[in-house]
Amino acid sequence: MIITTAQHTVGTTAVQIAASDGVNRQMSIHAIGNSAVYLGASSAVSTTTGFYIDKNAGPLQIEIDGNDELWAISATGSQTVTVMQITL
């Protein structure tokens, strides 16, 4: 098991927060900026198609397949998203 952490600056252009690397993982994702963040499976994610994470919500915990990617975008400004990944 390997644990990694990172912070990503998310703006109005999609940012990859998890790359496809062939390793299944658990992720804890926390939006700590001043605005909501939206998650999706590709760089085509938008504020209308992405999964909404409220700025006041606690960490979102998910498990993703090693062949999947995760992208984030925000409607305004630069938001900070913290990520902890635990490989399975």
N, C-alpha and C. Protein backbone atom coordinates (compact mmCIF):
# COMPACT_ATOMS: atom_id res chain seq x y z
N MET A 1 0.85 -1.17 0.00
CA MET A 1 0.00 0.00 0.00
C MET A 1 0.90 1.24 0.00
N ILE A 2 0.58 2.18 -0.89
CA ILE A 2 1.33 3.43 -0.98
C ILE A 2 0.34 4.58 -0.82
N ILE A 3 0.69 5.54 0.02
CA ILE A 3 -0.15 6.72 0.24
C ILE A 3 0.57 7.94 -0.31
N THR A 4 -0.15 8.71 -1.14
CA THR A 4 0.40 9.96 -1.66
C THR A 4 -0.60 11.08 -1.43
N THR A 5 -0.09 12.29 -1.28
CA THR A 5 -0.96 13.45 -1.12
C THR A 5 -0.52 14.53 -2.11
N ALA A 6 -1.47 15.38 -2.48
CA ALA A 6 -1.17 16.48 -3.40
C ALA A 6 -2.22 17.56 -3.25
N GLN A 7 -1.84 18.76 -3.66
CA GLN A 7 -2.79 19.87 -3.77
C GLN A 7 -2.79 20.33 -5.22
N HIS A 8 -3.97 20.60 -5.74
CA HIS A 8 -4.12 21.03 -7.13
C HIS A 8 -4.85 22.37 -7.15
N THR A 9 -4.39 23.26 -8.01
CA THR A 9 -5.10 24.51 -8.24
C THR A 9 -6.05 24.28 -9.41
N VAL A 10 -7.33 24.44 -9.15
CA VAL A 10 -8.36 24.17 -10.14
C VAL A 10 -9.02 25.48 -10.54
N GLY A 11 -9.08 25.72 -11.85
CA GLY A 11 -9.72 26.93 -12.36
C GLY A 11 -10.75 26.59 -13.41
N THR A 12 -10.90 27.46 -14.38
CA THR A 12 -11.93 27.29 -15.40
C THR A 12 -11.50 26.39 -16.56
N THR A 13 -10.28 25.86 -16.49
CA THR A 13 -9.80 24.85 -17.43
C THR A 13 -9.60 23.56 -16.64
N ALA A 14 -10.05 22.44 -17.17
CA ALA A 14 -9.97 21.16 -16.46
C ALA A 14 -8.53 20.81 -16.10
N VAL A 15 -8.36 20.27 -14.90
CA VAL A 15 -7.06 19.86 -14.37
C VAL A 15 -7.15 18.38 -13.97
N GLN A 16 -6.17 17.60 -14.37
CA GLN A 16 -6.16 16.18 -14.02
C GLN A 16 -5.70 16.03 -12.58
N ILE A 17 -6.51 15.35 -11.76
CA ILE A 17 -6.11 15.13 -10.37
C ILE A 17 -5.78 13.67 -10.09
N ALA A 18 -6.08 12.78 -11.03
CA ALA A 18 -5.66 11.38 -10.93
C ALA A 18 -5.46 10.84 -12.34
N ALA A 19 -4.28 10.28 -12.59
CA ALA A 19 -3.95 9.74 -13.90
C ALA A 19 -4.21 8.25 -13.96
N SER A 20 -4.43 7.75 -15.16
CA SER A 20 -4.56 6.32 -15.40
C SER A 20 -3.17 5.70 -15.27
N ASP A 21 -3.01 4.78 -14.31
CA ASP A 21 -1.69 4.18 -14.12
C ASP A 21 -1.75 2.67 -13.90
N GLY A 22 -2.93 2.08 -14.09
CA GLY A 22 -3.06 0.64 -13.96
C GLY A 22 -3.19 0.13 -12.53
N VAL A 23 -3.25 1.05 -11.55
CA VAL A 23 -3.31 0.65 -10.14
C VAL A 23 -4.62 1.17 -9.54
N ASN A 24 -5.42 0.27 -8.99
CA ASN A 24 -6.65 0.69 -8.31
C ASN A 24 -6.29 1.48 -7.06
N ARG A 25 -7.15 2.45 -6.72
CA ARG A 25 -6.84 3.27 -5.55
C ARG A 25 -8.09 3.83 -4.89
N GLN A 26 -7.94 4.14 -3.63
CA GLN A 26 -8.94 4.89 -2.89
C GLN A 26 -8.48 6.33 -2.87
N MET A 27 -9.44 7.25 -2.98
CA MET A 27 -9.08 8.66 -2.99
C MET A 27 -9.95 9.42 -2.01
N SER A 28 -9.35 10.37 -1.34
CA SER A 28 -10.06 11.32 -0.52
C SER A 28 -9.82 12.68 -1.14
N ILE A 29 -10.90 13.37 -1.53
CA ILE A 29 -10.81 14.63 -2.27
C ILE A 29 -11.53 15.71 -1.48
N HIS A 30 -10.86 16.82 -1.24
CA HIS A 30 -11.45 17.90 -0.45
C HIS A 30 -11.25 19.22 -1.16
N ALA A 31 -12.35 19.90 -1.50
CA ALA A 31 -12.30 21.23 -2.12
C ALA A 31 -12.25 22.26 -0.99
N ILE A 32 -11.16 23.04 -0.94
CA ILE A 32 -11.01 23.99 0.17
C ILE A 32 -10.92 25.43 -0.30
N GLY A 33 -11.35 25.69 -1.53
CA GLY A 33 -11.35 27.05 -2.06
C GLY A 33 -12.62 27.80 -1.68
N ASN A 34 -12.89 28.87 -2.39
CA ASN A 34 -14.05 29.71 -2.12
C ASN A 34 -15.25 29.42 -3.01
N SER A 35 -15.13 28.42 -3.87
CA SER A 35 -16.20 28.10 -4.81
C SER A 35 -16.28 26.59 -4.99
N ALA A 36 -17.37 26.13 -5.57
CA ALA A 36 -17.56 24.70 -5.81
C ALA A 36 -16.60 24.20 -6.89
N VAL A 37 -16.37 22.89 -6.85
CA VAL A 37 -15.54 22.20 -7.83
C VAL A 37 -16.37 21.06 -8.41
N TYR A 38 -16.12 20.73 -9.68
CA TYR A 38 -16.85 19.67 -10.37
C TYR A 38 -15.86 18.62 -10.85
N LEU A 39 -16.19 17.35 -10.67
CA LEU A 39 -15.32 16.24 -11.05
C LEU A 39 -15.89 15.49 -12.24
N GLY A 40 -14.98 14.94 -13.06
CA GLY A 40 -15.40 14.13 -14.20
C GLY A 40 -14.29 13.18 -14.62
N ALA A 41 -14.62 12.29 -15.55
CA ALA A 41 -13.71 11.23 -15.97
C ALA A 41 -12.77 11.62 -17.10
N SER A 42 -12.93 12.84 -17.63
CA SER A 42 -12.05 13.25 -18.73
C SER A 42 -11.88 14.76 -18.70
N SER A 43 -11.02 15.25 -19.58
CA SER A 43 -10.77 16.69 -19.66
C SER A 43 -11.98 17.44 -20.21
N ALA A 44 -12.98 16.71 -20.67
CA ALA A 44 -14.21 17.33 -21.18
C ALA A 44 -15.17 17.70 -20.06
N VAL A 45 -14.80 17.45 -18.80
CA VAL A 45 -15.67 17.80 -17.68
C VAL A 45 -15.97 19.29 -17.71
N SER A 46 -17.19 19.63 -17.32
CA SER A 46 -17.59 21.04 -17.26
C SER A 46 -18.42 21.27 -16.01
N THR A 47 -18.75 22.51 -15.78
CA THR A 47 -19.57 22.82 -14.61
C THR A 47 -21.02 22.37 -14.79
N THR A 48 -21.40 22.00 -15.99
CA THR A 48 -22.75 21.49 -16.21
C THR A 48 -22.80 19.96 -16.27
N THR A 49 -21.66 19.31 -16.52
CA THR A 49 -21.65 17.84 -16.62
C THR A 49 -20.94 17.16 -15.46
N GLY A 50 -20.15 17.91 -14.69
CA GLY A 50 -19.35 17.31 -13.63
C GLY A 50 -20.12 17.03 -12.36
N PHE A 51 -19.52 16.22 -11.51
CA PHE A 51 -20.08 15.88 -10.19
C PHE A 51 -19.73 17.02 -9.24
N TYR A 52 -20.75 17.64 -8.66
CA TYR A 52 -20.62 18.84 -7.84
C TYR A 52 -20.05 18.53 -6.46
N ILE A 53 -19.00 19.27 -6.07
CA ILE A 53 -18.48 19.19 -4.71
C ILE A 53 -18.57 20.60 -4.12
N ASP A 54 -19.38 20.74 -3.09
CA ASP A 54 -19.55 22.04 -2.45
C ASP A 54 -18.30 22.44 -1.69
N LYS A 55 -18.00 23.74 -1.67
CA LYS A 55 -16.82 24.23 -0.99
C LYS A 55 -16.87 23.98 0.51
N ASN A 56 -18.06 23.80 1.08
CA ASN A 56 -18.19 23.60 2.52
C ASN A 56 -18.33 22.13 2.90
N ALA A 57 -18.30 21.25 1.92
CA ALA A 57 -18.47 19.82 2.19
C ALA A 57 -17.17 19.22 2.75
N GLY A 58 -17.31 18.14 3.47
CA GLY A 58 -16.14 17.41 3.94
C GLY A 58 -15.54 16.63 2.79
N PRO A 59 -14.48 15.91 3.05
CA PRO A 59 -13.81 15.15 1.99
C PRO A 59 -14.73 14.10 1.35
N LEU A 60 -14.62 13.99 0.04
CA LEU A 60 -15.33 12.97 -0.73
C LEU A 60 -14.40 11.76 -0.81
N GLN A 61 -14.91 10.57 -0.49
CA GLN A 61 -14.09 9.37 -0.56
C GLN A 61 -14.64 8.46 -1.64
N ILE A 62 -13.76 8.09 -2.58
CA ILE A 62 -14.15 7.24 -3.69
C ILE A 62 -13.05 6.21 -3.96
N GLU A 63 -13.40 5.18 -4.70
CA GLU A 63 -12.43 4.20 -5.18
C GLU A 63 -12.50 4.21 -6.70
N ILE A 64 -11.33 4.31 -7.35
CA ILE A 64 -11.33 4.31 -8.81
C ILE A 64 -10.42 3.21 -9.35
N ASP A 65 -10.79 2.74 -10.51
CA ASP A 65 -10.05 1.72 -11.22
C ASP A 65 -8.74 2.29 -11.75
N GLY A 66 -7.73 1.48 -11.86
CA GLY A 66 -6.43 1.92 -12.34
C GLY A 66 -6.42 2.43 -13.77
N ASN A 67 -7.47 2.12 -14.53
CA ASN A 67 -7.55 2.58 -15.92
C ASN A 67 -8.34 3.88 -16.06
N ASP A 68 -8.84 4.40 -14.93
CA ASP A 68 -9.63 5.62 -14.96
C ASP A 68 -8.80 6.85 -14.62
N GLU A 69 -9.26 7.99 -15.10
CA GLU A 69 -8.68 9.29 -14.76
C GLU A 69 -9.73 10.09 -14.02
N LEU A 70 -9.29 11.11 -13.30
CA LEU A 70 -10.21 12.01 -12.63
C LEU A 70 -9.75 13.44 -12.88
N TRP A 71 -10.69 14.27 -13.32
CA TRP A 71 -10.42 15.66 -13.67
C TRP A 71 -11.31 16.57 -12.85
N ALA A 72 -10.86 17.80 -12.64
CA ALA A 72 -11.64 18.78 -11.88
C ALA A 72 -11.66 20.12 -12.60
N ILE A 73 -12.75 20.86 -12.39
CA ILE A 73 -12.91 22.20 -12.97
C ILE A 73 -13.75 23.02 -12.00
N SER A 74 -13.60 24.34 -12.07
CA SER A 74 -14.38 25.25 -11.25
C SER A 74 -15.00 26.32 -12.15
N ALA A 75 -16.11 26.89 -11.71
CA ALA A 75 -16.78 27.93 -12.50
C ALA A 75 -16.04 29.26 -12.41
N THR A 76 -15.35 29.49 -11.31
CA THR A 76 -14.68 30.78 -11.11
C THR A 76 -13.34 30.62 -10.42
N GLY A 77 -12.42 31.51 -10.75
CA GLY A 77 -11.17 31.64 -10.02
C GLY A 77 -10.34 30.40 -9.87
N SER A 78 -9.44 30.44 -8.92
CA SER A 78 -8.55 29.33 -8.62
C SER A 78 -8.94 28.72 -7.29
N GLN A 79 -9.33 27.46 -7.32
CA GLN A 79 -9.74 26.74 -6.11
C GLN A 79 -8.68 25.70 -5.78
N THR A 80 -8.49 25.45 -4.51
CA THR A 80 -7.54 24.43 -4.08
C THR A 80 -8.28 23.14 -3.79
N VAL A 81 -7.78 22.05 -4.37
CA VAL A 81 -8.34 20.72 -4.13
C VAL A 81 -7.20 19.87 -3.57
N THR A 82 -7.41 19.31 -2.38
CA THR A 82 -6.43 18.42 -1.80
C THR A 82 -6.85 16.97 -2.08
N VAL A 83 -5.85 16.14 -2.35
CA VAL A 83 -6.12 14.74 -2.72
C VAL A 83 -5.17 13.83 -1.96
N MET A 84 -5.73 12.78 -1.37
CA MET A 84 -4.92 11.71 -0.80
C MET A 84 -5.30 10.43 -1.54
N GLN A 85 -4.30 9.74 -2.08
CA GLN A 85 -4.51 8.49 -2.80
C GLN A 85 -3.86 7.36 -2.04
N ILE A 86 -4.58 6.27 -1.92
CA ILE A 86 -4.06 5.05 -1.30
C ILE A 86 -4.17 3.95 -2.33
N THR A 87 -3.04 3.44 -2.81
CA THR A 87 -3.07 2.37 -3.80
C THR A 87 -3.47 1.09 -3.12
N LEU A 88 -4.25 0.27 -3.84
CA LEU A 88 -4.76 -0.98 -3.29
C LEU A 88 -3.98 -2.18 -3.76
